[in-house]
Amino acid sequence: MVKIRLLRTGAKKRAKFRIVVADEQSKRNGRFIENIGHYNPTTDPAEVEIARERYLYWLSVGARPTKTVFDLFKKYEATRRVPS
């Protein structure tokens, strides 16, 4: 099964995340299929960019977002986007 989830980057205590499409079996920071955005919770306000078209495409072919990614998309979908 394919999941849309967060991939952690950044230094210790300065986490940044990429929003990626990956196989469920791969490790958290392992292989991924496509990078569709990023999330930086350390800034105020949090910086979130998601390629809306790619996110919706992956949902249409059966990918399942994690709860965190689903909540981020729901909260920021109308305000911030990455052009595809």
PDB file of N, CA and C in Angstrom:
ATOM      1  N   MET A   1       0.835  -1.177   0.000  1.00  0.00           N
ATOM      2  CA  MET A   1       0.000   0.000   0.000  1.00  0.00           C
ATOM      3  C   MET A   1       0.888   1.251   0.000  1.00  0.00           C
ATOM      4  N   VAL A   2       0.442   2.276  -0.676  1.00  0.00           N
ATOM      5  CA  VAL A   2       1.191   3.528  -0.777  1.00  0.00           C
ATOM      6  C   VAL A   2       0.620   4.530   0.219  1.00  0.00           C
ATOM      7  N   LYS A   3       1.514   5.228   0.940  1.00  0.00           N
ATOM      8  CA  LYS A   3       1.108   6.216   1.943  1.00  0.00           C
ATOM      9  C   LYS A   3       1.678   7.578   1.595  1.00  0.00           C
ATOM     10  N   ILE A   4       0.954   8.615   1.979  1.00  0.00           N
ATOM     11  CA  ILE A   4       1.461   9.983   1.909  1.00  0.00           C
ATOM     12  C   ILE A   4       1.823  10.335   3.342  1.00  0.00           C
ATOM     13  N   ARG A   5       3.120  10.584   3.591  1.00  0.00           N
ATOM     14  CA  ARG A   5       3.568  10.773   4.969  1.00  0.00           C
ATOM     15  C   ARG A   5       4.698  11.772   5.058  1.00  0.00           C
ATOM     16  N   LEU A   6       5.159  12.015   6.284  1.00  0.00           N
ATOM     17  CA  LEU A   6       6.238  12.965   6.527  1.00  0.00           C
ATOM     18  C   LEU A   6       7.586  12.257   6.546  1.00  0.00           C
ATOM     19  N   LEU A   7       8.595  12.909   5.993  1.00  0.00           N
ATOM     20  CA  LEU A   7       9.969  12.427   6.025  1.00  0.00           C
ATOM     21  C   LEU A   7      10.768  13.482   6.766  1.00  0.00           C
ATOM     22  N   ARG A   8      11.391  13.121   7.886  1.00  0.00           N
ATOM     23  CA  ARG A   8      12.063  14.088   8.740  1.00  0.00           C
ATOM     24  C   ARG A   8      13.414  14.480   8.177  1.00  0.00           C
ATOM     25  N   THR A   9      13.688  15.792   8.167  1.00  0.00           N
ATOM     26  CA  THR A   9      14.994  16.323   7.809  1.00  0.00           C
ATOM     27  C   THR A   9      15.345  17.376   8.857  1.00  0.00           C
ATOM     28  N   GLY A  10      16.496  18.003   8.724  1.00  0.00           N
ATOM     29  CA  GLY A  10      16.872  19.054   9.657  1.00  0.00           C
ATOM     30  C   GLY A  10      17.716  18.529  10.798  1.00  0.00           C
ATOM     31  N   ALA A  11      18.258  19.453  11.556  1.00  0.00           N
ATOM     32  CA  ALA A  11      19.137  19.124  12.668  1.00  0.00           C
ATOM     33  C   ALA A  11      18.337  18.701  13.906  1.00  0.00           C
ATOM     34  N   LYS A  12      19.073  18.241  14.911  1.00  0.00           N
ATOM     35  CA  LYS A  12      18.451  17.855  16.161  1.00  0.00           C
ATOM     36  C   LYS A  12      17.731  19.056  16.772  1.00  0.00           C
ATOM     37  N   LYS A  13      16.506  18.871  17.191  1.00  0.00           N
ATOM     38  CA  LYS A  13      15.639  19.894  17.777  1.00  0.00           C
ATOM     39  C   LYS A  13      15.290  21.031  16.818  1.00  0.00           C
ATOM     40  N   ARG A  14      15.543  20.860  15.539  1.00  0.00           N
ATOM     41  CA  ARG A  14      15.154  21.825  14.505  1.00  0.00           C
ATOM     42  C   ARG A  14      14.554  21.059  13.328  1.00  0.00           C
ATOM     43  N   ALA A  15      13.559  20.290  13.619  1.00  0.00           N
ATOM     44  CA  ALA A  15      12.978  19.397  12.623  1.00  0.00           C
ATOM     45  C   ALA A  15      12.283  20.160  11.505  1.00  0.00           C
ATOM     46  N   LYS A  16      12.465  19.654  10.302  1.00  0.00           N
ATOM     47  CA  LYS A  16      11.719  20.067   9.125  1.00  0.00           C
ATOM     48  C   LYS A  16      11.264  18.773   8.482  1.00  0.00           C
ATOM     49  N   PHE A  17      10.192  18.838   7.733  1.00  0.00           N
ATOM     50  CA  PHE A  17       9.653  17.625   7.145  1.00  0.00           C
ATOM     51  C   PHE A  17       9.352  17.823   5.673  1.00  0.00           C
ATOM     52  N   ARG A  18       9.576  16.780   4.886  1.00  0.00           N
ATOM     53  CA  ARG A  18       9.109  16.732   3.510  1.00  0.00           C
ATOM     54  C   ARG A  18       7.829  15.911   3.514  1.00  0.00           C
ATOM     55  N   ILE A  19       6.906  16.269   2.664  1.00  0.00           N
ATOM     56  CA  ILE A  19       5.686  15.484   2.502  1.00  0.00           C
ATOM     57  C   ILE A  19       5.906  14.619   1.267  1.00  0.00           C
ATOM     58  N   VAL A  20       5.969  13.304   1.476  1.00  0.00           N
ATOM     59  CA  VAL A  20       6.340  12.390   0.401  1.00  0.00           C
ATOM     60  C   VAL A  20       5.311  11.278   0.232  1.00  0.00           C
ATOM     61  N   VAL A  21       5.343  10.694  -0.948  1.00  0.00           N
ATOM     62  CA  VAL A  21       4.555   9.499  -1.249  1.00  0.00           C
ATOM     63  C   VAL A  21       5.536   8.336  -1.194  1.00  0.00           C
ATOM     64  N   ALA A  22       5.253   7.358  -0.331  1.00  0.00           N
ATOM     65  CA  ALA A  22       6.181   6.244  -0.140  1.00  0.00           C
ATOM     66  C   ALA A  22       5.411   4.951   0.072  1.00  0.00           C
ATOM     67  N   ASP A  23       6.104   3.846  -0.183  1.00  0.00           N
ATOM     68  CA  ASP A  23       5.532   2.539   0.099  1.00  0.00           C
ATOM     69  C   ASP A  23       5.438   2.372   1.611  1.00  0.00           C
ATOM     70  N   GLU A  24       4.387   1.740   2.056  1.00  0.00           N
ATOM     71  CA  GLU A  24       4.149   1.541   3.485  1.00  0.00           C
ATOM     72  C   GLU A  24       5.290   0.778   4.164  1.00  0.00           C
ATOM     73  N   GLN A  25       5.954  -0.107   3.429  1.00  0.00           N
ATOM     74  CA  GLN A  25       7.005  -0.947   3.992  1.00  0.00           C
ATOM     75  C   GLN A  25       8.345  -0.231   4.168  1.00  0.00           C
ATOM     76  N   SER A  26       8.556   0.907   3.499  1.00  0.00           N
ATOM     77  CA  SER A  26       9.846   1.589   3.585  1.00  0.00           C
ATOM     78  C   SER A  26       9.988   2.323   4.915  1.00  0.00           C
ATOM     79  N   LYS A  27      11.217   2.576   5.314  1.00  0.00           N
ATOM     80  CA  LYS A  27      11.504   3.244   6.579  1.00  0.00           C
ATOM     81  C   LYS A  27      11.067   4.699   6.535  1.00  0.00           C
ATOM     82  N   ARG A  28      10.979   5.322   7.706  1.00  0.00           N
ATOM     83  CA  ARG A  28      10.521   6.706   7.785  1.00  0.00           C
ATOM     84  C   ARG A  28      11.361   7.636   6.918  1.00  0.00           C
ATOM     85  N   ASN A  29      12.675   7.504   6.964  1.00  0.00           N
ATOM     86  CA  ASN A  29      13.555   8.349   6.166  1.00  0.00           C
ATOM     87  C   ASN A  29      14.180   7.574   5.015  1.00  0.00           C
ATOM     88  N   GLY A  30      13.499   6.535   4.568  1.00  0.00           N
ATOM     89  CA  GLY A  30      14.003   5.694   3.494  1.00  0.00           C
ATOM     90  C   GLY A  30      13.533   6.148   2.126  1.00  0.00           C
ATOM     91  N   ARG A  31      13.420   5.174   1.226  1.00  0.00           N
ATOM     92  CA  ARG A  31      13.028   5.462  -0.158  1.00  0.00           C
ATOM     93  C   ARG A  31      11.625   6.023  -0.225  1.00  0.00           C
ATOM     94  N   PHE A  32      11.420   6.900  -1.191  1.00  0.00           N
ATOM     95  CA  PHE A  32      10.083   7.428  -1.438  1.00  0.00           C
ATOM     96  C   PHE A  32       9.869   7.534  -2.936  1.00  0.00           C
ATOM     97  N   ILE A  33       8.617   7.638  -3.347  1.00  0.00           N
ATOM     98  CA  ILE A  33       8.255   7.676  -4.756  1.00  0.00           C
ATOM     99  C   ILE A  33       8.304   9.103  -5.287  1.00  0.00           C
ATOM    100  N   GLU A  34       7.711  10.038  -4.535  1.00  0.00           N
ATOM    101  CA  GLU A  34       7.646  11.425  -5.001  1.00  0.00           C
ATOM    102  C   GLU A  34       7.565  12.376  -3.811  1.00  0.00           C
ATOM    103  N   ASN A  35       8.242  13.514  -3.937  1.00  0.00           N
ATOM    104  CA  ASN A  35       8.199  14.580  -2.950  1.00  0.00           C
ATOM    105  C   ASN A  35       7.116  15.567  -3.400  1.00  0.00           C
ATOM    106  N   ILE A  36       6.082  15.772  -2.579  1.00  0.00           N
ATOM    107  CA  ILE A  36       4.993  16.652  -3.005  1.00  0.00           C
ATOM    108  C   ILE A  36       4.863  17.918  -2.165  1.00  0.00           C
ATOM    109  N   GLY A  37       5.782  18.144  -1.235  1.00  0.00           N
ATOM    110  CA  GLY A  37       5.713  19.371  -0.453  1.00  0.00           C
ATOM    111  C   GLY A  37       6.653  19.346   0.735  1.00  0.00           C
ATOM    112  N   HIS A  38       6.527  20.379   1.581  1.00  0.00           N
ATOM    113  CA  HIS A  38       7.314  20.419   2.806  1.00  0.00           C
ATOM    114  C   HIS A  38       6.552  21.125   3.919  1.00  0.00           C
ATOM    115  N   TYR A  39       7.037  20.884   5.162  1.00  0.00           N
ATOM    116  CA  TYR A  39       6.397  21.414   6.363  1.00  0.00           C
ATOM    117  C   TYR A  39       7.500  21.804   7.332  1.00  0.00           C
ATOM    118  N   ASN A  40       7.466  23.059   7.793  1.00  0.00           N
ATOM    119  CA  ASN A  40       8.441  23.546   8.759  1.00  0.00           C
ATOM    120  C   ASN A  40       7.698  24.061   9.981  1.00  0.00           C
ATOM    121  N   PRO A  41       7.607  23.239  11.050  1.00  0.00           N
ATOM    122  CA  PRO A  41       6.848  23.646  12.232  1.00  0.00           C
ATOM    123  C   PRO A  41       7.591  24.634  13.126  1.00  0.00           C
ATOM    124  N   THR A  42       8.882  24.865  12.890  1.00  0.00           N
ATOM    125  CA  THR A  42       9.660  25.719  13.784  1.00  0.00           C
ATOM    126  C   THR A  42       9.458  27.206  13.519  1.00  0.00           C
ATOM    127  N   THR A  43       8.914  27.580  12.364  1.00  0.00           N
ATOM    128  CA  THR A  43       8.666  28.987  12.086  1.00  0.00           C
ATOM    129  C   THR A  43       7.316  29.402  12.669  1.00  0.00           C
ATOM    130  N   ASP A  44       7.122  30.696  12.807  1.00  0.00           N
ATOM    131  CA  ASP A  44       5.853  31.181  13.327  1.00  0.00           C
ATOM    132  C   ASP A  44       5.268  32.179  12.354  1.00  0.00           C
ATOM    133  N   PRO A  45       4.221  31.885  11.639  1.00  0.00           N
ATOM    134  CA  PRO A  45       3.429  30.648  11.656  1.00  0.00           C
ATOM    135  C   PRO A  45       4.145  29.523  10.911  1.00  0.00           C
ATOM    136  N   ALA A  46       3.702  28.315  11.127  1.00  0.00           N
ATOM    137  CA  ALA A  46       4.311  27.148  10.476  1.00  0.00           C
ATOM    138  C   ALA A  46       4.238  27.291   8.957  1.00  0.00           C
ATOM    139  N   GLU A  47       5.319  26.895   8.295  1.00  0.00           N
ATOM    140  CA  GLU A  47       5.398  26.982   6.834  1.00  0.00           C
ATOM    141  C   GLU A  47       4.990  25.639   6.232  1.00  0.00           C
ATOM    142  N   VAL A  48       3.939  25.651   5.425  1.00  0.00           N
ATOM    143  CA  VAL A  48       3.445  24.429   4.798  1.00  0.00           C
ATOM    144  C   VAL A  48       3.212  24.693   3.325  1.00  0.00           C
ATOM    145  N   GLU A  49       3.775  23.841   2.481  1.00  0.00           N
ATOM    146  CA  GLU A  49       3.524  23.916   1.047  1.00  0.00           C
ATOM    147  C   GLU A  49       3.269  22.505   0.538  1.00  0.00           C
ATOM    148  N   ILE A  50       2.121  22.338  -0.111  1.00  0.00           N
ATOM    149  CA  ILE A  50       1.735  21.036  -0.652  1.00  0.00           C
ATOM    150  C   ILE A  50       1.280  21.226  -2.091  1.00  0.00           C
ATOM    151  N   ALA A  51       1.790  20.399  -2.995  1.00  0.00           N
ATOM    152  CA  ALA A  51       1.344  20.423  -4.385  1.00  0.00           C
ATOM    153  C   ALA A  51      -0.044  19.788  -4.421  1.00  0.00           C
ATOM    154  N   ARG A  52      -1.064  20.624  -4.441  1.00  0.00           N
ATOM    155  CA  ARG A  52      -2.449  20.173  -4.346  1.00  0.00           C
ATOM    156  C   ARG A  52      -2.809  19.174  -5.441  1.00  0.00           C
ATOM    157  N   GLU A  53      -2.403  19.448  -6.675  1.00  0.00           N
ATOM    158  CA  GLU A  53      -2.749  18.563  -7.790  1.00  0.00           C
ATOM    159  C   GLU A  53      -2.141  17.178  -7.612  1.00  0.00           C
ATOM    160  N   ARG A  54      -0.879  17.122  -7.172  1.00  0.00           N
ATOM    161  CA  ARG A  54      -0.213  15.827  -6.975  1.00  0.00           C
ATOM    162  C   ARG A  54      -0.818  15.081  -5.787  1.00  0.00           C
ATOM    163  N   TYR A  55      -1.153  15.818  -4.725  1.00  0.00           N
ATOM    164  CA  TYR A  55      -1.803  15.211  -3.562  1.00  0.00           C
ATOM    165  C   TYR A  55      -3.120  14.563  -3.981  1.00  0.00           C
ATOM    166  N   LEU A  56      -3.933  15.285  -4.718  1.00  0.00           N
ATOM    167  CA  LEU A  56      -5.222  14.747  -5.163  1.00  0.00           C
ATOM    168  C   LEU A  56      -5.051  13.598  -6.149  1.00  0.00           C
ATOM    169  N   TYR A  57      -4.010  13.672  -6.992  1.00  0.00           N
ATOM    170  CA  TYR A  57      -3.734  12.563  -7.915  1.00  0.00           C
ATOM    171  C   TYR A  57      -3.433  11.287  -7.130  1.00  0.00           C
ATOM    172  N   TRP A  58      -2.543  11.391  -6.151  1.00  0.00           N
ATOM    173  CA  TRP A  58      -2.172  10.196  -5.393  1.00  0.00           C
ATOM    174  C   TRP A  58      -3.358   9.639  -4.604  1.00  0.00           C
ATOM    175  N   LEU A  59      -4.228  10.496  -4.115  1.00  0.00           N
ATOM    176  CA  LEU A  59      -5.440  10.004  -3.454  1.00  0.00           C
ATOM    177  C   LEU A  59      -6.324   9.242  -4.436  1.00  0.00           C
ATOM    178  N   SER A  60      -6.394   9.739  -5.676  1.00  0.00           N
ATOM    179  CA  SER A  60      -7.252   9.094  -6.673  1.00  0.00           C
ATOM    180  C   SER A  60      -6.752   7.715  -7.090  1.00  0.00           C
ATOM    181  N   VAL A  61      -5.452   7.471  -6.966  1.00  0.00           N
ATOM    182  CA  VAL A  61      -4.929   6.156  -7.335  1.00  0.00           C
ATOM    183  C   VAL A  61      -4.769   5.236  -6.128  1.00  0.00           C
ATOM    184  N   GLY A  62      -5.279   5.654  -4.962  1.00  0.00           N
ATOM    185  CA  GLY A  62      -5.341   4.746  -3.823  1.00  0.00           C
ATOM    186  C   GLY A  62      -4.370   5.001  -2.693  1.00  0.00           C
ATOM    187  N   ALA A  63      -3.575   6.049  -2.736  1.00  0.00           N
ATOM    188  CA  ALA A  63      -2.655   6.340  -1.634  1.00  0.00           C
ATOM    189  C   ALA A  63      -3.441   6.821  -0.422  1.00  0.00           C
ATOM    190  N   ARG A  64      -2.961   6.479   0.763  1.00  0.00           N
ATOM    191  CA  ARG A  64      -3.623   6.875   2.004  1.00  0.00           C
ATOM    192  C   ARG A  64      -2.738   7.854   2.763  1.00  0.00           C
ATOM    193  N   PRO A  65      -3.239   9.053   3.085  1.00  0.00           N
ATOM    194  CA  PRO A  65      -2.436   9.991   3.880  1.00  0.00           C
ATOM    195  C   PRO A  65      -2.448   9.592   5.356  1.00  0.00           C
ATOM    196  N   THR A  66      -1.360   9.892   6.057  1.00  0.00           N
ATOM    197  CA  THR A  66      -1.359   9.705   7.496  1.00  0.00           C
ATOM    198  C   THR A  66      -2.245  10.777   8.112  1.00  0.00           C
ATOM    199  N   LYS A  67      -2.592  10.621   9.370  1.00  0.00           N
ATOM    200  CA  LYS A  67      -3.466  11.589  10.026  1.00  0.00           C
ATOM    201  C   LYS A  67      -2.836  12.977  10.026  1.00  0.00           C
ATOM    202  N   THR A  68      -1.541  13.056  10.285  1.00  0.00           N
ATOM    203  CA  THR A  68      -0.855  14.349  10.317  1.00  0.00           C
ATOM    204  C   THR A  68      -0.894  15.032   8.960  1.00  0.00           C
ATOM    205  N   VAL A  69      -0.590  14.312   7.907  1.00  0.00           N
ATOM    206  CA  VAL A  69      -0.607  14.892   6.560  1.00  0.00           C
ATOM    207  C   VAL A  69      -2.027  15.306   6.184  1.00  0.00           C
ATOM    208  N   PHE A  70      -3.006  14.484   6.513  1.00  0.00           N
ATOM    209  CA  PHE A  70      -4.400  14.816   6.225  1.00  0.00           C
ATOM    210  C   PHE A  70      -4.792  16.120   6.917  1.00  0.00           C
ATOM    211  N   ASP A  71      -4.431  16.257   8.196  1.00  0.00           N
ATOM    212  CA  ASP A  71      -4.748  17.473   8.955  1.00  0.00           C
ATOM    213  C   ASP A  71      -4.032  18.689   8.385  1.00  0.00           C
ATOM    214  N   LEU A  72      -2.759  18.536   7.984  1.00  0.00           N
ATOM    215  CA  LEU A  72      -2.016  19.653   7.390  1.00  0.00           C
ATOM    216  C   LEU A  72      -2.668  20.100   6.089  1.00  0.00           C
ATOM    217  N   PHE A  73      -3.035  19.146   5.249  1.00  0.00           N
ATOM    218  CA  PHE A  73      -3.656  19.494   3.972  1.00  0.00           C
ATOM    219  C   PHE A  73      -4.990  20.189   4.199  1.00  0.00           C
ATOM    220  N   LYS A  74      -5.767  19.663   5.105  1.00  0.00           N
ATOM    221  CA  LYS A  74      -7.077  20.230   5.389  1.00  0.00           C
ATOM    222  C   LYS A  74      -6.954  21.667   5.911  1.00  0.00           C
ATOM    223  N   LYS A  75      -5.963  21.900   6.766  1.00  0.00           N
ATOM    224  CA  LYS A  75      -5.801  23.221   7.380  1.00  0.00           C
ATOM    225  C   LYS A  75      -5.220  24.250   6.416  1.00  0.00           C
ATOM    226  N   TYR A  76      -4.257  23.847   5.580  1.00  0.00           N
ATOM    227  CA  TYR A  76      -3.515  24.802   4.762  1.00  0.00           C
ATOM    228  C   TYR A  76      -3.825  24.735   3.266  1.00  0.00           C
ATOM    229  N   GLU A  77      -4.724  23.864   2.838  1.00  0.00           N
ATOM    230  CA  GLU A  77      -4.950  23.663   1.409  1.00  0.00           C
ATOM    231  C   GLU A  77      -5.324  24.943   0.674  1.00  0.00           C
ATOM    232  N   ALA A  78      -6.155  25.765   1.258  1.00  0.00           N
ATOM    233  CA  ALA A  78      -6.652  26.951   0.549  1.00  0.00           C
ATOM    234  C   ALA A  78      -5.676  28.122   0.594  1.00  0.00           C
ATOM    235  N   THR A  79      -4.700  28.099   1.508  1.00  0.00           N
ATOM    236  CA  THR A  79      -3.860  29.274   1.683  1.00  0.00           C
ATOM    237  C   THR A  79      -2.483  29.167   1.042  1.00  0.00           C
ATOM    238  N   ARG A  80      -1.876  28.000   1.061  1.00  0.00           N
ATOM    239  CA  ARG A  80      -0.501  27.875   0.580  1.00  0.00           C
ATOM    240  C   ARG A  80      -0.365  26.678  -0.337  1.00  0.00           C
ATOM    241  N   ARG A  81       0.185  26.880  -1.527  1.00  0.00           N
ATOM    242  CA  ARG A  81       0.346  25.783  -2.487  1.00  0.00           C
ATOM    243  C   ARG A  81       1.677  25.880  -3.198  1.00  0.00           C
ATOM    244  N   VAL A  82       2.179  24.749  -3.652  1.00  0.00           N
ATOM    245  CA  VAL A  82       3.369  24.679  -4.488  1.00  0.00           C
ATOM    246  C   VAL A  82       2.909  24.471  -5.916  1.00  0.00           C
ATOM    247  N   PRO A  83       3.369  25.266  -6.882  1.00  0.00           N
ATOM    248  CA  PRO A  83       2.961  25.000  -8.262  1.00  0.00           C
ATOM    249  C   PRO A  83       3.548  23.685  -8.743  1.00  0.00           C
ATOM    250  N   SER A  84       2.787  22.920  -9.511  1.00  0.00           N
ATOM    251  CA  SER A  84       3.275  21.621  -9.994  1.00  0.00           C
ATOM    252  C   SER A  84       4.078  21.763 -11.267  1.00  0.00           C
TER     253      SER A  84
END
